[in-house]
Amino acid sequence: DFVDEHFYNYICVAIALIVFGIAFIVIETIHKGKDHK
């Protein structure tokens, strides 16, 4: 209920979309060519 009330809004959603979008790009760039354990 707390999450629905305080975080289910367009600002939080947009921030999460952008932050994790950047995370994907950064992580994939850093790990490019590396072997996975």
PDB file of all heavy atoms in Angstrom:
ATOM      1  N   ASP A   1       0.828  -1.214   0.000  1.00  0.00           N
ATOM      2  CA  ASP A   1       0.000   0.000   0.000  1.00  0.00           C
ATOM      3  C   ASP A   1       0.862   1.264   0.000  1.00  0.00           C
ATOM      4  O   ASP A   1       0.532   2.252  -0.669  1.00  0.00           O
ATOM      5  CB  ASP A   1      -0.926   0.019   1.223  1.00  0.00           C
ATOM      6  CG  ASP A   1      -2.005  -1.053   1.125  1.00  0.00           C
ATOM      7  OD1 ASP A   1      -2.346  -1.440  -0.005  1.00  0.00           O
ATOM      8  OD2 ASP A   1      -2.498  -1.508   2.179  1.00  0.00           O
ATOM      9  N   PHE A   2       1.964   1.230   0.742  1.00  0.00           N
ATOM     10  CA  PHE A   2       2.860   2.396   0.821  1.00  0.00           C
ATOM     11  C   PHE A   2       3.453   2.707  -0.549  1.00  0.00           C
ATOM     12  O   PHE A   2       3.510   3.867  -0.972  1.00  0.00           O
ATOM     13  CB  PHE A   2       3.990   2.123   1.825  1.00  0.00           C
ATOM     14  CG  PHE A   2       4.965   3.262   1.963  1.00  0.00           C
ATOM     15  CD1 PHE A   2       4.709   4.303   2.831  1.00  0.00           C
ATOM     16  CD2 PHE A   2       6.140   3.276   1.208  1.00  0.00           C
ATOM     17  CE1 PHE A   2       5.610   5.367   2.954  1.00  0.00           C
ATOM     18  CE2 PHE A   2       7.043   4.327   1.316  1.00  0.00           C
ATOM     19  CZ  PHE A   2       6.781   5.377   2.199  1.00  0.00           C
ATOM     20  N   VAL A   3       3.898   1.665  -1.253  1.00  0.00           N
ATOM     21  CA  VAL A   3       4.487   1.847  -2.582  1.00  0.00           C
ATOM     22  C   VAL A   3       3.459   2.418  -3.547  1.00  0.00           C
ATOM     23  O   VAL A   3       3.741   3.352  -4.300  1.00  0.00           O
ATOM     24  CB  VAL A   3       5.049   0.508  -3.117  1.00  0.00           C
ATOM     25  CG1 VAL A   3       5.407   0.625  -4.595  1.00  0.00           C
ATOM     26  CG2 VAL A   3       6.271   0.095  -2.314  1.00  0.00           C
ATOM     27  N   ASP A   4       2.234   1.869  -3.533  1.00  0.00           N
ATOM     28  CA  ASP A   4       1.174   2.365  -4.416  1.00  0.00           C
ATOM     29  C   ASP A   4       0.884   3.843  -4.168  1.00  0.00           C
ATOM     30  O   ASP A   4       0.664   4.615  -5.108  1.00  0.00           O
ATOM     31  CB  ASP A   4      -0.113   1.548  -4.226  1.00  0.00           C
ATOM     32  CG  ASP A   4      -0.030   0.181  -4.869  1.00  0.00           C
ATOM     33  OD1 ASP A   4       0.898  -0.041  -5.676  1.00  0.00           O
ATOM     34  OD2 ASP A   4      -0.882  -0.671  -4.560  1.00  0.00           O
ATOM     35  N   GLU A   5       0.896   4.234  -2.899  1.00  0.00           N
ATOM     36  CA  GLU A   5       0.533   5.600  -2.529  1.00  0.00           C
ATOM     37  C   GLU A   5       1.636   6.612  -2.841  1.00  0.00           C
ATOM     38  O   GLU A   5       1.360   7.728  -3.290  1.00  0.00           O
ATOM     39  CB  GLU A   5       0.198   5.660  -1.038  1.00  0.00           C
ATOM     40  CG  GLU A   5      -0.247   7.039  -0.564  1.00  0.00           C
ATOM     41  CD  GLU A   5      -0.596   7.060   0.917  1.00  0.00           C
ATOM     42  OE1 GLU A   5      -0.649   5.978   1.542  1.00  0.00           O
ATOM     43  OE2 GLU A   5      -0.807   8.174   1.450  1.00  0.00           O
ATOM     44  N   HIS A   6       2.894   6.229  -2.598  1.00  0.00           N
ATOM     45  CA  HIS A   6       3.982   7.203  -2.686  1.00  0.00           C
ATOM     46  C   HIS A   6       4.845   7.123  -3.952  1.00  0.00           C
ATOM     47  O   HIS A   6       5.459   8.122  -4.351  1.00  0.00           O
ATOM     48  CB  HIS A   6       4.898   7.055  -1.463  1.00  0.00           C
ATOM     49  CG  HIS A   6       4.248   7.431  -0.168  1.00  0.00           C
ATOM     50  ND1 HIS A   6       3.516   6.526   0.583  1.00  0.00           N
ATOM     51  CD2 HIS A   6       4.200   8.616   0.497  1.00  0.00           C
ATOM     52  CE1 HIS A   6       3.061   7.136   1.664  1.00  0.00           C
ATOM     53  NE2 HIS A   6       3.451   8.393   1.639  1.00  0.00           N
ATOM     54  N   PHE A   7       4.921   5.960  -4.561  1.00  0.00           N
ATOM     55  CA  PHE A   7       5.845   5.806  -5.691  1.00  0.00           C
ATOM     56  C   PHE A   7       5.163   5.537  -7.023  1.00  0.00           C
ATOM     57  O   PHE A   7       5.812   5.562  -8.069  1.00  0.00           O
ATOM     58  CB  PHE A   7       6.853   4.682  -5.408  1.00  0.00           C
ATOM     59  CG  PHE A   7       7.735   4.943  -4.222  1.00  0.00           C
ATOM     60  CD1 PHE A   7       7.894   3.986  -3.237  1.00  0.00           C
ATOM     61  CD2 PHE A   7       8.391   6.159  -4.081  1.00  0.00           C
ATOM     62  CE1 PHE A   7       8.707   4.221  -2.136  1.00  0.00           C
ATOM     63  CE2 PHE A   7       9.198   6.409  -2.987  1.00  0.00           C
ATOM     64  CZ  PHE A   7       9.360   5.442  -2.012  1.00  0.00           C
ATOM     65  N   TYR A   8       3.869   5.246  -7.011  1.00  0.00           N
ATOM     66  CA  TYR A   8       3.192   4.954  -8.270  1.00  0.00           C
ATOM     67  C   TYR A   8       2.733   6.267  -8.905  1.00  0.00           C
ATOM     68  O   TYR A   8       1.559   6.593  -8.942  1.00  0.00           O
ATOM     69  CB  TYR A   8       1.998   4.021  -8.041  1.00  0.00           C
ATOM     70  CG  TYR A   8       1.598   3.263  -9.296  1.00  0.00           C
ATOM     71  CD1 TYR A   8       2.098   2.011  -9.571  1.00  0.00           C
ATOM     72  CD2 TYR A   8       0.718   3.829 -10.218  1.00  0.00           C
ATOM     73  CE1 TYR A   8       1.745   1.320 -10.719  1.00  0.00           C
ATOM     74  CE2 TYR A   8       0.347   3.160 -11.369  1.00  0.00           C
ATOM     75  CZ  TYR A   8       0.860   1.900 -11.613  1.00  0.00           C
ATOM     76  OH  TYR A   8       0.507   1.236 -12.761  1.00  0.00           O
ATOM     77  N   ASN A   9       3.708   7.025  -9.415  1.00  0.00           N
ATOM     78  CA  ASN A   9       3.430   8.286 -10.101  1.00  0.00           C
ATOM     79  C   ASN A   9       4.424   8.459 -11.238  1.00  0.00           C
ATOM     80  O   ASN A   9       5.460   7.785 -11.290  1.00  0.00           O
ATOM     81  CB  ASN A   9       3.500   9.466  -9.126  1.00  0.00           C
ATOM     82  CG  ASN A   9       4.848   9.551  -8.425  1.00  0.00           C
ATOM     83  OD1 ASN A   9       5.852   9.889  -9.040  1.00  0.00           O
ATOM     84  ND2 ASN A   9       4.865   9.235  -7.130  1.00  0.00           N
ATOM     85  N   TYR A  10       4.123   9.368 -12.128  1.00  0.00           N
ATOM     86  CA  TYR A  10       4.922   9.460 -13.348  1.00  0.00           C
ATOM     87  C   TYR A  10       6.368   9.890 -13.091  1.00  0.00           C
ATOM     88  O   TYR A  10       7.291   9.494 -13.817  1.00  0.00           O
ATOM     89  CB  TYR A  10       4.246  10.402 -14.353  1.00  0.00           C
ATOM     90  CG  TYR A  10       4.467  11.877 -14.129  1.00  0.00           C
ATOM     91  CD1 TYR A  10       5.549  12.538 -14.711  1.00  0.00           C
ATOM     92  CD2 TYR A  10       3.580  12.621 -13.350  1.00  0.00           C
ATOM     93  CE1 TYR A  10       5.746  13.894 -14.515  1.00  0.00           C
ATOM     94  CE2 TYR A  10       3.772  13.975 -13.162  1.00  0.00           C
ATOM     95  CZ  TYR A  10       4.849  14.607 -13.745  1.00  0.00           C
ATOM     96  OH  TYR A  10       5.049  15.950 -13.554  1.00  0.00           O
ATOM     97  N   ILE A  11       6.607  10.680 -12.046  1.00  0.00           N
ATOM     98  CA  ILE A  11       7.977  11.143 -11.761  1.00  0.00           C
ATOM     99  C   ILE A  11       8.864   9.972 -11.356  1.00  0.00           C
ATOM    100  O   ILE A  11       9.978   9.790 -11.888  1.00  0.00           O
ATOM    101  CB  ILE A  11       7.967  12.215 -10.651  1.00  0.00           C
ATOM    102  CG1 ILE A  11       7.225  13.465 -11.132  1.00  0.00           C
ATOM    103  CG2 ILE A  11       9.396  12.564 -10.247  1.00  0.00           C
ATOM    104  CD1 ILE A  11       7.077  14.539 -10.077  1.00  0.00           C
ATOM    105  N   CYS A  12       8.383   9.157 -10.406  1.00  0.00           N
ATOM    106  CA  CYS A  12       9.163   7.992  -9.955  1.00  0.00           C
ATOM    107  C   CYS A  12       9.377   6.997 -11.090  1.00  0.00           C
ATOM    108  O   CYS A  12      10.465   6.435 -11.246  1.00  0.00           O
ATOM    109  CB  CYS A  12       8.447   7.305  -8.788  1.00  0.00           C
ATOM    110  SG  CYS A  12       8.534   8.229  -7.237  1.00  0.00           S
ATOM    111  N   VAL A  13       8.326   6.769 -11.883  1.00  0.00           N
ATOM    112  CA  VAL A  13       8.428   5.837 -13.001  1.00  0.00           C
ATOM    113  C   VAL A  13       9.466   6.328 -14.016  1.00  0.00           C
ATOM    114  O   VAL A  13      10.309   5.559 -14.482  1.00  0.00           O
ATOM    115  CB  VAL A  13       7.054   5.650 -13.684  1.00  0.00           C
ATOM    116  CG1 VAL A  13       7.212   4.893 -15.006  1.00  0.00           C
ATOM    117  CG2 VAL A  13       6.109   4.899 -12.761  1.00  0.00           C
ATOM    118  N   ALA A  14       9.413   7.613 -14.349  1.00  0.00           N
ATOM    119  CA  ALA A  14      10.348   8.176 -15.324  1.00  0.00           C
ATOM    120  C   ALA A  14      11.792   8.100 -14.830  1.00  0.00           C
ATOM    121  O   ALA A  14      12.704   7.746 -15.589  1.00  0.00           O
ATOM    122  CB  ALA A  14       9.973   9.624 -15.624  1.00  0.00           C
ATOM    123  N   ILE A  15      11.999   8.414 -13.555  1.00  0.00           N
ATOM    124  CA  ILE A  15      13.351   8.349 -12.983  1.00  0.00           C
ATOM    125  C   ILE A  15      13.882   6.915 -13.042  1.00  0.00           C
ATOM    126  O   ILE A  15      15.039   6.682 -13.426  1.00  0.00           O
ATOM    127  CB  ILE A  15      13.355   8.870 -11.535  1.00  0.00           C
ATOM    128  CG1 ILE A  15      13.105  10.382 -11.520  1.00  0.00           C
ATOM    129  CG2 ILE A  15      14.688   8.553 -10.852  1.00  0.00           C
ATOM    130  CD1 ILE A  15      12.909  10.960 -10.130  1.00  0.00           C
ATOM    131  N   ALA A  16      13.041   5.954 -12.669  1.00  0.00           N
ATOM    132  CA  ALA A  16      13.458   4.550 -12.689  1.00  0.00           C
ATOM    133  C   ALA A  16      13.784   4.101 -14.113  1.00  0.00           C
ATOM    134  O   ALA A  16      14.765   3.377 -14.346  1.00  0.00           O
ATOM    135  CB  ALA A  16      12.363   3.676 -12.096  1.00  0.00           C
ATOM    136  N   LEU A  17      12.968   4.515 -15.071  1.00  0.00           N
ATOM    137  CA  LEU A  17      13.218   4.163 -16.474  1.00  0.00           C
ATOM    138  C   LEU A  17      14.582   4.682 -16.922  1.00  0.00           C
ATOM    139  O   LEU A  17      15.379   3.949 -17.521  1.00  0.00           O
ATOM    140  CB  LEU A  17      12.124   4.757 -17.366  1.00  0.00           C
ATOM    141  CG  LEU A  17      10.783   4.025 -17.396  1.00  0.00           C
ATOM    142  CD1 LEU A  17       9.718   4.909 -18.038  1.00  0.00           C
ATOM    143  CD2 LEU A  17      10.898   2.709 -18.154  1.00  0.00           C
ATOM    144  N   ILE A  18      14.861   5.932 -16.630  1.00  0.00           N
ATOM    145  CA  ILE A  18      16.104   6.553 -17.094  1.00  0.00           C
ATOM    146  C   ILE A  18      17.320   5.993 -16.363  1.00  0.00           C
ATOM    147  O   ILE A  18      18.335   5.665 -16.996  1.00  0.00           O
ATOM    148  CB  ILE A  18      16.025   8.087 -16.922  1.00  0.00           C
ATOM    149  CG1 ILE A  18      14.956   8.648 -17.871  1.00  0.00           C
ATOM    150  CG2 ILE A  18      17.379   8.733 -17.181  1.00  0.00           C
ATOM    151  CD1 ILE A  18      14.628  10.118 -17.629  1.00  0.00           C
ATOM    152  N   VAL A  19      17.231   5.868 -15.042  1.00  0.00           N
ATOM    153  CA  VAL A  19      18.375   5.383 -14.249  1.00  0.00           C
ATOM    154  C   VAL A  19      18.783   3.978 -14.670  1.00  0.00           C
ATOM    155  O   VAL A  19      19.975   3.698 -14.894  1.00  0.00           O
ATOM    156  CB  VAL A  19      18.044   5.426 -12.742  1.00  0.00           C
ATOM    157  CG1 VAL A  19      19.107   4.659 -11.947  1.00  0.00           C
ATOM    158  CG2 VAL A  19      17.960   6.862 -12.252  1.00  0.00           C
ATOM    159  N   PHE A  20      17.813   3.085 -14.820  1.00  0.00           N
ATOM    160  CA  PHE A  20      18.167   1.715 -15.206  1.00  0.00           C
ATOM    161  C   PHE A  20      18.517   1.629 -16.687  1.00  0.00           C
ATOM    162  O   PHE A  20      19.232   0.717 -17.109  1.00  0.00           O
ATOM    163  CB  PHE A  20      17.058   0.744 -14.830  1.00  0.00           C
ATOM    164  CG  PHE A  20      17.273   0.113 -13.490  1.00  0.00           C
ATOM    165  CD1 PHE A  20      17.008   0.833 -12.331  1.00  0.00           C
ATOM    166  CD2 PHE A  20      17.782  -1.160 -13.366  1.00  0.00           C
ATOM    167  CE1 PHE A  20      17.229   0.276 -11.084  1.00  0.00           C
ATOM    168  CE2 PHE A  20      18.015  -1.723 -12.134  1.00  0.00           C
ATOM    169  CZ  PHE A  20      17.739  -1.015 -10.977  1.00  0.00           C
ATOM    170  N   GLY A  21      18.023   2.556 -17.484  1.00  0.00           N
ATOM    171  CA  GLY A  21      18.454   2.619 -18.879  1.00  0.00           C
ATOM    172  C   GLY A  21      19.934   2.939 -18.959  1.00  0.00           C
ATOM    173  O   GLY A  21      20.695   2.294 -19.697  1.00  0.00           O
ATOM    174  N   ILE A  22      20.354   3.930 -18.189  1.00  0.00           N
ATOM    175  CA  ILE A  22      21.779   4.294 -18.122  1.00  0.00           C
ATOM    176  C   ILE A  22      22.596   3.123 -17.582  1.00  0.00           C
ATOM    177  O   ILE A  22      23.696   2.830 -18.071  1.00  0.00           O
ATOM    178  CB  ILE A  22      21.973   5.548 -17.245  1.00  0.00           C
ATOM    179  CG1 ILE A  22      21.308   6.761 -17.910  1.00  0.00           C
ATOM    180  CG2 ILE A  22      23.445   5.815 -16.999  1.00  0.00           C
ATOM    181  CD1 ILE A  22      21.255   7.999 -17.029  1.00  0.00           C
ATOM    182  N   ALA A  23      22.040   2.435 -16.566  1.00  0.00           N
ATOM    183  CA  ALA A  23      22.751   1.295 -15.961  1.00  0.00           C
ATOM    184  C   ALA A  23      23.026   0.209 -16.994  1.00  0.00           C
ATOM    185  O   ALA A  23      24.129  -0.359 -17.036  1.00  0.00           O
ATOM    186  CB  ALA A  23      21.934   0.740 -14.801  1.00  0.00           C
ATOM    187  N   PHE A  24      22.043  -0.096 -17.832  1.00  0.00           N
ATOM    188  CA  PHE A  24      22.238  -1.102 -18.869  1.00  0.00           C
ATOM    189  C   PHE A  24      23.390  -0.710 -19.799  1.00  0.00           C
ATOM    190  O   PHE A  24      24.246  -1.529 -20.126  1.00  0.00           O
ATOM    191  CB  PHE A  24      20.959  -1.277 -19.697  1.00  0.00           C
ATOM    192  CG  PHE A  24      20.074  -2.378 -19.198  1.00  0.00           C
ATOM    193  CD1 PHE A  24      18.755  -2.121 -18.855  1.00  0.00           C
ATOM    194  CD2 PHE A  24      20.545  -3.672 -19.073  1.00  0.00           C
ATOM    195  CE1 PHE A  24      17.932  -3.129 -18.392  1.00  0.00           C
ATOM    196  CE2 PHE A  24      19.727  -4.692 -18.611  1.00  0.00           C
ATOM    197  CZ  PHE A  24      18.420  -4.417 -18.270  1.00  0.00           C
ATOM    198  N   ILE A  25      23.390   0.532 -20.246  1.00  0.00           N
ATOM    199  CA  ILE A  25      24.411   0.996 -21.181  1.00  0.00           C
ATOM    200  C   ILE A  25      25.797   0.950 -20.542  1.00  0.00           C
ATOM    201  O   ILE A  25      26.769   0.465 -21.143  1.00  0.00           O
ATOM    202  CB  ILE A  25      24.088   2.426 -21.654  1.00  0.00           C
ATOM    203  CG1 ILE A  25      22.776   2.422 -22.451  1.00  0.00           C
ATOM    204  CG2 ILE A  25      25.229   2.987 -22.510  1.00  0.00           C
ATOM    205  CD1 ILE A  25      22.221   3.802 -22.740  1.00  0.00           C
ATOM    206  N   VAL A  26      25.908   1.432 -19.301  1.00  0.00           N
ATOM    207  CA  VAL A  26      27.195   1.462 -18.602  1.00  0.00           C
ATOM    208  C   VAL A  26      27.711   0.050 -18.339  1.00  0.00           C
ATOM    209  O   VAL A  26      28.881  -0.262 -18.611  1.00  0.00           O
ATOM    210  CB  VAL A  26      27.072   2.248 -17.275  1.00  0.00           C
ATOM    211  CG1 VAL A  26      28.345   2.099 -16.442  1.00  0.00           C
ATOM    212  CG2 VAL A  26      26.783   3.712 -17.547  1.00  0.00           C
ATOM    213  N   ILE A  27      26.845  -0.809 -17.811  1.00  0.00           N
ATOM    214  CA  ILE A  27      27.268  -2.168 -17.472  1.00  0.00           C
ATOM    215  C   ILE A  27      27.680  -2.948 -18.713  1.00  0.00           C
ATOM    216  O   ILE A  27      28.701  -3.655 -18.717  1.00  0.00           O
ATOM    217  CB  ILE A  27      26.148  -2.902 -16.713  1.00  0.00           C
ATOM    218  CG1 ILE A  27      25.963  -2.284 -15.329  1.00  0.00           C
ATOM    219  CG2 ILE A  27      26.472  -4.399 -16.569  1.00  0.00           C
ATOM    220  CD1 ILE A  27      24.724  -2.748 -14.608  1.00  0.00           C
ATOM    221  N   GLU A  28      26.903  -2.835 -19.774  1.00  0.00           N
ATOM    222  CA  GLU A  28      27.249  -3.548 -21.007  1.00  0.00           C
ATOM    223  C   GLU A  28      28.557  -3.016 -21.599  1.00  0.00           C
ATOM    224  O   GLU A  28      29.346  -3.782 -22.142  1.00  0.00           O
ATOM    225  CB  GLU A  28      26.119  -3.410 -22.030  1.00  0.00           C
ATOM    226  CG  GLU A  28      24.884  -4.238 -21.718  1.00  0.00           C
ATOM    227  CD  GLU A  28      25.109  -5.734 -21.945  1.00  0.00           C
ATOM    228  OE1 GLU A  28      26.273  -6.169 -22.075  1.00  0.00           O
ATOM    229  OE2 GLU A  28      24.111  -6.469 -21.988  1.00  0.00           O
ATOM    230  N   THR A  29      28.816  -1.709 -21.479  1.00  0.00           N
ATOM    231  CA  THR A  29      30.064  -1.136 -21.984  1.00  0.00           C
ATOM    232  C   THR A  29      31.254  -1.644 -21.188  1.00  0.00           C
ATOM    233  O   THR A  29      32.295  -2.019 -21.755  1.00  0.00           O
ATOM    234  CB  THR A  29      30.011   0.409 -21.910  1.00  0.00           C
ATOM    235  OG1 THR A  29      28.910   0.881 -22.699  1.00  0.00           O
ATOM    236  CG2 THR A  29      31.301   1.014 -22.430  1.00  0.00           C
ATOM    237  N   ILE A  30      31.099  -1.683 -19.864  1.00  0.00           N
ATOM    238  CA  ILE A  30      32.187  -2.138 -18.993  1.00  0.00           C
ATOM    239  C   ILE A  30      32.502  -3.617 -19.210  1.00  0.00           C
ATOM    240  O   ILE A  30      33.663  -4.032 -19.215  1.00  0.00           O
ATOM    241  CB  ILE A  30      31.829  -1.886 -17.505  1.00  0.00           C
ATOM    242  CG1 ILE A  30      31.778  -0.385 -17.226  1.00  0.00           C
ATOM    243  CG2 ILE A  30      32.844  -2.560 -16.579  1.00  0.00           C
ATOM    244  CD1 ILE A  30      31.266  -0.041 -15.838  1.00  0.00           C
ATOM    245  N   HIS A  31      31.441  -4.423 -19.400  1.00  0.00           N
ATOM    246  CA  HIS A  31      31.623  -5.870 -19.507  1.00  0.00           C
ATOM    247  C   HIS A  31      31.842  -6.358 -20.938  1.00  0.00           C
ATOM    248  O   HIS A  31      31.973  -7.558 -21.167  1.00  0.00           O
ATOM    249  CB  HIS A  31      30.402  -6.587 -18.915  1.00  0.00           C
ATOM    250  CG  HIS A  31      30.361  -6.562 -17.421  1.00  0.00           C
ATOM    251  ND1 HIS A  31      29.972  -5.457 -16.717  1.00  0.00           N
ATOM    252  CD2 HIS A  31      30.666  -7.505 -16.497  1.00  0.00           C
ATOM    253  CE1 HIS A  31      30.030  -5.720 -15.416  1.00  0.00           C
ATOM    254  NE2 HIS A  31      30.448  -6.947 -15.253  1.00  0.00           N
ATOM    255  N   LYS A  32      31.893  -5.438 -21.898  1.00  0.00           N
ATOM    256  CA  LYS A  32      32.055  -5.851 -23.285  1.00  0.00           C
ATOM    257  C   LYS A  32      33.365  -6.625 -23.485  1.00  0.00           C
ATOM    258  O   LYS A  32      34.443  -6.159 -23.129  1.00  0.00           O
ATOM    259  CB  LYS A  32      32.048  -4.625 -24.211  1.00  0.00           C
ATOM    260  CG  LYS A  32      32.082  -4.978 -25.684  1.00  0.00           C
ATOM    261  CD  LYS A  32      31.987  -3.739 -26.559  1.00  0.00           C
ATOM    262  CE  LYS A  32      31.981  -4.116 -28.032  1.00  0.00           C
ATOM    263  NZ  LYS A  32      31.877  -2.904 -28.907  1.00  0.00           N
ATOM    264  N   GLY A  33      33.247  -7.813 -24.044  1.00  0.00           N
ATOM    265  CA  GLY A  33      34.422  -8.634 -24.318  1.00  0.00           C
ATOM    266  C   GLY A  33      34.919  -9.447 -23.140  1.00  0.00           C
ATOM    267  O   GLY A  33      35.796 -10.307 -23.297  1.00  0.00           O
ATOM    268  N   LYS A  34      34.375  -9.207 -21.947  1.00  0.00           N
ATOM    269  CA  LYS A  34      34.816  -9.940 -20.768  1.00  0.00           C
ATOM    270  C   LYS A  34      34.136 -11.305 -20.689  1.00  0.00           C
ATOM    271  O   LYS A  34      32.999 -11.465 -21.114  1.00  0.00           O
ATOM    272  CB  LYS A  34      34.517  -9.140 -19.491  1.00  0.00           C
ATOM    273  CG  LYS A  34      35.379  -7.897 -19.329  1.00  0.00           C
ATOM    274  CD  LYS A  34      35.122  -7.239 -17.979  1.00  0.00           C
ATOM    275  CE  LYS A  34      36.021  -6.014 -17.781  1.00  0.00           C
ATOM    276  NZ  LYS A  34      35.783  -5.369 -16.456  1.00  0.00           N
ATOM    277  N   ASP A  35      34.849 -12.262 -20.124  1.00  0.00           N
ATOM    278  CA  ASP A  35      34.298 -13.593 -19.953  1.00  0.00           C
ATOM    279  C   ASP A  35      33.426 -13.627 -18.697  1.00  0.00           C
ATOM    280  O   ASP A  35      33.766 -13.011 -17.685  1.00  0.00           O
ATOM    281  CB  ASP A  35      35.433 -14.621 -19.817  1.00  0.00           C
ATOM    282  CG  ASP A  35      34.925 -16.047 -19.895  1.00  0.00           C
ATOM    283  OD1 ASP A  35      33.924 -16.275 -20.609  1.00  0.00           O
ATOM    284  OD2 ASP A  35      35.508 -16.922 -19.236  1.00  0.00           O
ATOM    285  N   HIS A  36      32.299 -14.331 -18.768  1.00  0.00           N
ATOM    286  CA  HIS A  36      31.400 -14.416 -17.618  1.00  0.00           C
ATOM    287  C   HIS A  36      31.730 -15.639 -16.771  1.00  0.00           C
ATOM    288  O   HIS A  36      31.993 -16.724 -17.302  1.00  0.00           O
ATOM    289  CB  HIS A  36      29.945 -14.494 -18.098  1.00  0.00           C
ATOM    290  CG  HIS A  36      29.499 -13.279 -18.835  1.00  0.00           C
ATOM    291  ND1 HIS A  36      29.559 -13.170 -20.209  1.00  0.00           N
ATOM    292  CD2 HIS A  36      29.015 -12.086 -18.380  1.00  0.00           C
ATOM    293  CE1 HIS A  36      29.110 -11.983 -20.575  1.00  0.00           C
ATOM    294  NE2 HIS A  36      28.774 -11.312 -19.496  1.00  0.00           N
ATOM    295  N   LYS A  37      31.698 -15.463 -15.461  1.00  0.00           N
ATOM    296  CA  LYS A  37      32.012 -16.566 -14.550  1.00  0.00           C
ATOM    297  C   LYS A  37      30.891 -17.594 -14.501  1.00  0.00           C
ATOM    298  O   LYS A  37      31.131 -18.784 -14.319  1.00  0.00           O
ATOM    299  CB  LYS A  37      32.257 -16.016 -13.139  1.00  0.00           C
ATOM    300  CG  LYS A  37      33.438 -15.065 -13.021  1.00  0.00           C
ATOM    301  CD  LYS A  37      33.599 -14.581 -11.591  1.00  0.00           C
ATOM    302  CE  LYS A  37      32.422 -13.713 -11.166  1.00  0.00           C
ATOM    303  NZ  LYS A  37      32.573 -13.176  -9.790  1.00  0.00           N
TER     304      LYS A  37
END
